[in-house]
Amino acid sequence: MYPFLLPELFGYTIPMYDLLILIGVFLMILYIGKRFEKEDGFSRQQSNRIIILIAISLVFALVFSFLLDGIFHSIKEGELEFGSINFLGALIGGFAAFLILMKYFYKDDNKDMRKISNTVITGVVLAHAFGRIGCFCAGCCFGIPTESFLGVLFPHGHAHDLYPGELVYPTQLFEAGFLFILFFLLTKVHFFKNKEVETYLIGYGIFRIIIEFIRGDNRGVFLPLFTTQYNVFPTPSQFMSLLMVFLGGYLIYKHFKSLKA
């Protein structure tokens, strides 16, 4: 939609997608650090150690994202292809790396992984929301063509290349709106306190399964069951989202079982 920041001043050198990702990550780190110290009982030194491990995990998240997206698209195209970022791949790889790093490199006694994970995942929701606005600016992660009032015409980006002159669903903004609402619920509604991970896994998992049906970009292939005019279903993201929902449900079951014990 607006892929570069003030190109008439800076030239075509500052991608809005990259800028919004950086803003999202900065706000995520800011939120996590503040919550660690103000709510979770960590010292400044402990918070800094964890944030360093989070930063290292983001590198693993990026690598795993490219790898997983490349695998799914290679299945569909018949040849190895890399180039795009898969958020769910980044989430899985990044969080797995973070758990491993915490196990081996964080030696302080104050290591309540449930509390830490709840804080980190809430920060991830905030960063992801800004990232989806970046997707809207770049014209990627778009929806299928539509004649409804919700349709948006993309003058630039992949949406324009695939559907020139057609209105498509701005699925990026739908997802950004959902994520901002989810962030508000996780931070302001007491019911979700200490259940942030489970709420995220189930809530975002269900939302992602649904919105995938109106995504219009190339979703890749894993175990195809049926094909529509625009995509092959279930998409790899739907499979991963279903696993997220099951994992969230299992964590809730495990939590209530421990309370009864």
Protein backbone atom coordinates (compact mmCIF):
# COMPACT_ATOMS: atom_id res chain seq x y z
CA MET A 1 0.00 0.00 0.00
CA TYR A 2 2.79 2.40 1.01
CA PRO A 3 5.98 0.31 0.79
CA PHE A 4 8.59 3.05 1.43
CA LEU A 5 8.83 5.85 3.97
CA LEU A 6 8.59 9.26 2.28
CA PRO A 7 10.35 8.16 -0.93
CA GLU A 8 10.34 11.73 -2.22
CA LEU A 9 12.70 12.63 0.67
CA PHE A 10 14.68 9.47 1.41
CA GLY A 11 14.49 7.73 -1.95
CA TYR A 12 13.40 4.09 -2.15
CA THR A 13 15.61 3.02 0.74
CA ILE A 14 13.49 2.75 3.91
CA PRO A 15 10.94 -0.09 3.61
CA MET A 16 7.88 0.46 5.79
CA TYR A 17 7.74 -3.28 6.50
CA ASP A 18 11.23 -3.29 8.01
CA LEU A 19 10.55 -0.06 9.89
CA LEU A 20 7.33 -1.35 11.47
CA ILE A 21 8.96 -4.66 12.37
CA LEU A 22 11.71 -2.76 14.17
CA ILE A 23 9.15 -0.58 15.96
CA GLY A 24 7.22 -3.68 17.01
CA VAL A 25 10.33 -5.45 18.32
CA PHE A 26 11.45 -2.30 20.17
CA LEU A 27 8.05 -1.95 21.86
CA MET A 28 8.04 -5.66 22.65
CA ILE A 29 11.43 -5.43 24.40
CA LEU A 30 10.32 -2.26 26.21
CA TYR A 31 7.13 -3.92 27.42
CA ILE A 32 8.83 -7.16 28.47
CA GLY A 33 11.60 -5.39 30.37
CA LYS A 34 9.13 -3.18 32.22
CA ARG A 35 6.84 -6.06 33.12
CA PHE A 36 9.73 -8.24 34.29
CA GLU A 37 10.77 -5.57 36.78
CA LYS A 38 7.40 -4.06 37.77
CA GLU A 39 5.20 -7.17 37.92
CA ASP A 40 7.32 -10.33 37.78
CA GLY A 41 9.86 -9.50 40.47
CA PHE A 42 13.06 -9.61 38.40
CA SER A 43 15.99 -7.30 39.04
CA ARG A 44 17.31 -5.05 36.28
CA GLN A 45 20.29 -7.37 35.80
CA GLN A 46 18.07 -10.45 35.54
CA SER A 47 15.76 -8.72 33.08
CA ASN A 48 18.71 -7.70 30.92
CA ARG A 49 20.02 -11.27 30.84
CA ILE A 50 16.66 -12.61 29.70
CA ILE A 51 16.26 -9.87 27.09
CA ILE A 52 19.68 -10.76 25.65
CA LEU A 53 18.52 -14.37 25.31
CA ILE A 54 15.33 -13.13 23.65
CA ALA A 55 17.42 -11.14 21.16
CA ILE A 56 19.47 -14.25 20.32
CA SER A 57 16.25 -16.24 19.95
CA LEU A 58 14.99 -13.72 17.38
CA VAL A 59 17.93 -14.67 15.14
CA PHE A 60 16.96 -18.34 15.37
CA ALA A 61 13.34 -17.33 14.73
CA LEU A 62 14.31 -15.62 11.47
CA VAL A 63 16.36 -18.58 10.27
CA PHE A 64 13.65 -21.11 11.15
CA SER A 65 11.03 -18.91 9.50
CA PHE A 66 12.86 -18.90 6.16
CA LEU A 67 13.57 -22.62 6.44
CA LEU A 68 10.00 -23.69 7.20
CA ASP A 69 8.46 -21.41 4.60
CA GLY A 70 10.94 -22.68 2.02
CA ILE A 71 10.04 -26.30 2.78
CA PHE A 72 6.30 -25.74 2.38
CA HIS A 73 6.71 -23.78 -0.85
CA SER A 74 9.19 -26.32 -2.18
CA ILE A 75 6.59 -29.07 -1.74
CA LYS A 76 4.16 -27.03 -3.84
CA GLU A 77 6.59 -25.79 -6.50
CA GLY A 78 8.61 -28.98 -6.78
CA GLU A 79 11.94 -27.21 -6.22
CA LEU A 80 13.73 -25.64 -3.26
CA GLU A 81 12.66 -22.02 -2.89
CA PHE A 82 13.35 -19.47 -0.17
CA GLY A 83 12.58 -15.79 0.15
CA SER A 84 9.59 -15.10 2.38
CA ILE A 85 8.97 -15.14 6.12
CA ASN A 86 6.52 -17.44 7.88
CA PHE A 87 5.41 -16.02 11.24
CA LEU A 88 4.33 -19.33 12.75
CA GLY A 89 7.66 -20.83 11.74
CA ALA A 90 9.41 -17.93 13.43
CA LEU A 91 7.28 -18.38 16.54
CA ILE A 92 8.02 -22.09 16.83
CA GLY A 93 11.74 -21.77 16.12
CA GLY A 94 12.21 -18.66 18.21
CA PHE A 95 10.33 -19.92 21.26
CA ALA A 96 12.06 -23.31 21.14
CA ALA A 97 15.44 -21.56 20.97
CA PHE A 98 14.46 -19.30 23.87
CA LEU A 99 13.49 -22.26 26.08
CA ILE A 100 16.80 -23.99 25.32
CA LEU A 101 18.81 -20.84 25.96
CA MET A 102 16.99 -20.25 29.25
CA LYS A 103 17.71 -23.81 30.35
CA TYR A 104 21.45 -23.64 29.75
CA PHE A 105 22.40 -19.97 30.04
CA TYR A 106 20.12 -18.47 32.71
CA LYS A 107 21.43 -19.68 36.07
CA ASP A 108 19.60 -17.40 38.53
CA ASP A 109 17.19 -19.01 41.00
CA ASN A 110 14.39 -16.72 39.87
CA LYS A 111 13.44 -18.82 36.81
CA ASP A 112 9.69 -19.33 36.78
CA MET A 113 9.29 -20.31 33.11
CA ARG A 114 5.51 -20.05 33.22
CA LYS A 115 5.71 -16.46 34.42
CA ILE A 116 8.46 -15.61 31.94
CA SER A 117 6.61 -17.23 29.03
CA ASN A 118 3.41 -15.35 29.84
CA THR A 119 5.28 -12.05 29.73
CA VAL A 120 7.23 -12.87 26.57
CA ILE A 121 4.22 -14.09 24.58
CA THR A 122 2.28 -10.94 25.46
CA GLY A 123 5.16 -8.87 24.08
CA VAL A 124 5.21 -11.04 20.95
CA VAL A 125 1.52 -10.25 20.35
CA LEU A 126 2.33 -6.52 20.38
CA ALA A 127 5.27 -6.89 17.99
CA HIS A 128 3.23 -9.11 15.67
CA ALA A 129 0.46 -6.50 15.46
CA PHE A 130 2.90 -3.87 14.21
CA GLY A 131 4.43 -6.42 11.86
CA ARG A 132 1.06 -7.01 10.21
CA ILE A 133 0.67 -3.28 9.62
CA GLY A 134 4.05 -3.53 7.92
CA CYS A 135 2.66 -6.32 5.74
CA PHE A 136 -0.20 -4.02 4.73
CA CYS A 137 2.24 -1.29 3.74
CA ALA A 138 4.34 -3.76 1.74
CA GLY A 139 1.35 -5.35 0.02
CA CYS A 140 2.12 -8.88 1.20
CA CYS A 141 0.04 -11.38 3.23
CA PHE A 142 -3.07 -10.09 1.43
CA GLY A 143 -6.51 -11.56 0.99
CA ILE A 144 -8.49 -12.94 -1.93
CA PRO A 145 -10.33 -10.63 -4.34
CA THR A 146 -13.65 -9.25 -3.13
CA GLU A 147 -16.34 -6.85 -4.28
CA SER A 148 -17.37 -5.97 -0.72
CA PHE A 149 -16.85 -2.58 0.92
CA LEU A 150 -13.96 -4.15 2.84
CA GLY A 151 -11.88 -4.51 -0.28
CA VAL A 152 -8.66 -2.54 -0.74
CA LEU A 153 -6.78 -1.77 -3.96
CA PHE A 154 -3.01 -2.23 -3.61
CA PRO A 155 -1.04 -0.02 -6.02
CA HIS A 156 2.24 -1.74 -5.09
CA GLY A 157 3.55 -5.02 -3.76
CA HIS A 158 2.69 -8.68 -4.31
CA ALA A 159 -1.05 -8.04 -4.09
CA HIS A 160 -0.79 -5.62 -7.01
CA ASP A 161 1.37 -8.04 -8.98
CA LEU A 162 -1.06 -10.94 -8.55
CA TYR A 163 -4.37 -9.06 -8.70
CA PRO A 164 -3.68 -5.79 -10.58
CA GLY A 165 -6.65 -3.43 -10.43
CA GLU A 166 -8.67 -5.77 -8.16
CA LEU A 167 -9.93 -5.15 -4.64
CA VAL A 168 -8.70 -7.70 -2.10
CA TYR A 169 -9.41 -8.30 1.57
CA PRO A 170 -6.88 -6.42 3.76
CA THR A 171 -6.25 -9.50 5.88
CA GLN A 172 -3.16 -7.80 7.31
CA LEU A 173 -5.34 -5.16 8.99
CA PHE A 174 -7.86 -7.76 10.15
CA GLU A 175 -5.04 -9.61 11.87
CA ALA A 176 -3.42 -6.46 13.26
CA GLY A 177 -6.76 -5.41 14.76
CA PHE A 178 -7.25 -8.83 16.31
CA LEU A 179 -3.74 -8.78 17.79
CA PHE A 180 -4.14 -5.32 19.31
CA ILE A 181 -7.42 -6.46 20.90
CA LEU A 182 -5.72 -9.61 22.15
CA PHE A 183 -2.87 -7.55 23.62
CA PHE A 184 -5.41 -5.38 25.43
CA LEU A 185 -7.18 -8.44 26.84
CA LEU A 186 -3.94 -10.06 28.00
CA THR A 187 -2.74 -6.90 29.75
CA LYS A 188 -5.95 -5.35 31.09
CA VAL A 189 -8.45 -8.16 31.78
CA HIS A 190 -7.76 -9.96 35.05
CA PHE A 191 -9.37 -13.21 33.85
CA PHE A 192 -6.47 -13.78 31.45
CA LYS A 193 -3.77 -13.05 34.04
CA ASN A 194 -1.33 -15.99 34.34
CA LYS A 195 -3.08 -17.66 31.36
CA GLU A 196 -1.50 -15.59 28.61
CA VAL A 197 0.23 -18.46 26.82
CA GLU A 198 -2.87 -20.65 26.76
CA THR A 199 -5.09 -17.75 25.71
CA TYR A 200 -2.71 -16.84 22.90
CA LEU A 201 -2.34 -20.39 21.62
CA ILE A 202 -6.08 -21.01 21.47
CA GLY A 203 -7.22 -17.51 20.51
CA TYR A 204 -4.67 -16.81 17.80
CA GLY A 205 -4.74 -20.41 16.61
CA ILE A 206 -8.49 -20.29 15.96
CA PHE A 207 -8.29 -16.84 14.38
CA ARG A 208 -5.47 -17.91 12.07
CA ILE A 209 -7.31 -21.05 10.95
CA ILE A 210 -10.30 -18.91 9.97
CA ILE A 211 -8.47 -16.06 8.25
CA GLU A 212 -6.39 -18.45 6.16
CA PHE A 213 -9.54 -19.18 4.13
CA ILE A 214 -9.53 -15.62 2.76
CA ARG A 215 -5.78 -15.26 2.28
CA GLY A 216 -4.94 -14.74 -1.38
CA ASP A 217 -1.16 -15.12 -1.42
CA ASN A 218 0.73 -18.35 -2.01
CA ARG A 219 0.31 -20.33 1.19
CA GLY A 220 2.48 -23.34 0.32
CA VAL A 221 1.44 -26.98 0.66
CA PHE A 222 1.86 -29.66 3.32
CA LEU A 223 -0.94 -32.27 3.18
CA PRO A 224 -3.45 -30.93 0.62
CA LEU A 225 -7.06 -32.09 0.92
CA PHE A 226 -8.98 -29.72 -1.37
CA THR A 227 -8.32 -26.83 -3.73
CA THR A 228 -10.23 -23.61 -4.34
CA GLN A 229 -9.80 -20.94 -6.99
CA TYR A 230 -7.18 -19.19 -4.90
CA ASN A 231 -5.45 -21.70 -2.63
CA VAL A 232 -4.86 -25.26 -1.49
CA PHE A 233 -6.30 -26.30 1.89
CA PRO A 234 -5.56 -26.99 4.65
CA THR A 235 -2.66 -24.59 4.43
CA PRO A 236 0.55 -25.30 6.39
CA SER A 237 -0.38 -22.41 8.70
CA GLN A 238 -3.73 -24.04 9.42
CA PHE A 239 -2.00 -27.27 10.43
CA MET A 240 0.36 -25.38 12.74
CA SER A 241 -2.51 -23.31 14.14
CA LEU A 242 -4.46 -26.47 14.91
CA LEU A 243 -1.47 -27.77 16.84
CA MET A 244 -1.40 -24.46 18.73
CA VAL A 245 -5.06 -24.90 19.73
CA PHE A 246 -4.44 -28.47 20.89
CA LEU A 247 -1.37 -27.41 22.86
CA GLY A 248 -3.28 -24.56 24.50
CA GLY A 249 -6.07 -26.95 25.45
CA TYR A 250 -3.56 -29.43 26.86
CA LEU A 251 -1.90 -26.73 28.97
CA ILE A 252 -5.27 -25.71 30.40
CA TYR A 253 -6.09 -29.35 31.17
CA LYS A 254 -2.70 -29.82 32.81
CA HIS A 255 -3.15 -26.65 34.87
CA PHE A 256 -6.57 -27.63 36.23
CA LYS A 257 -5.36 -31.16 36.90
CA SER A 258 -2.52 -29.80 39.02
CA LEU A 259 -5.00 -27.65 40.99
CA LYS A 260 -7.08 -30.73 41.85
CA ALA A 261 -4.05 -32.77 42.90
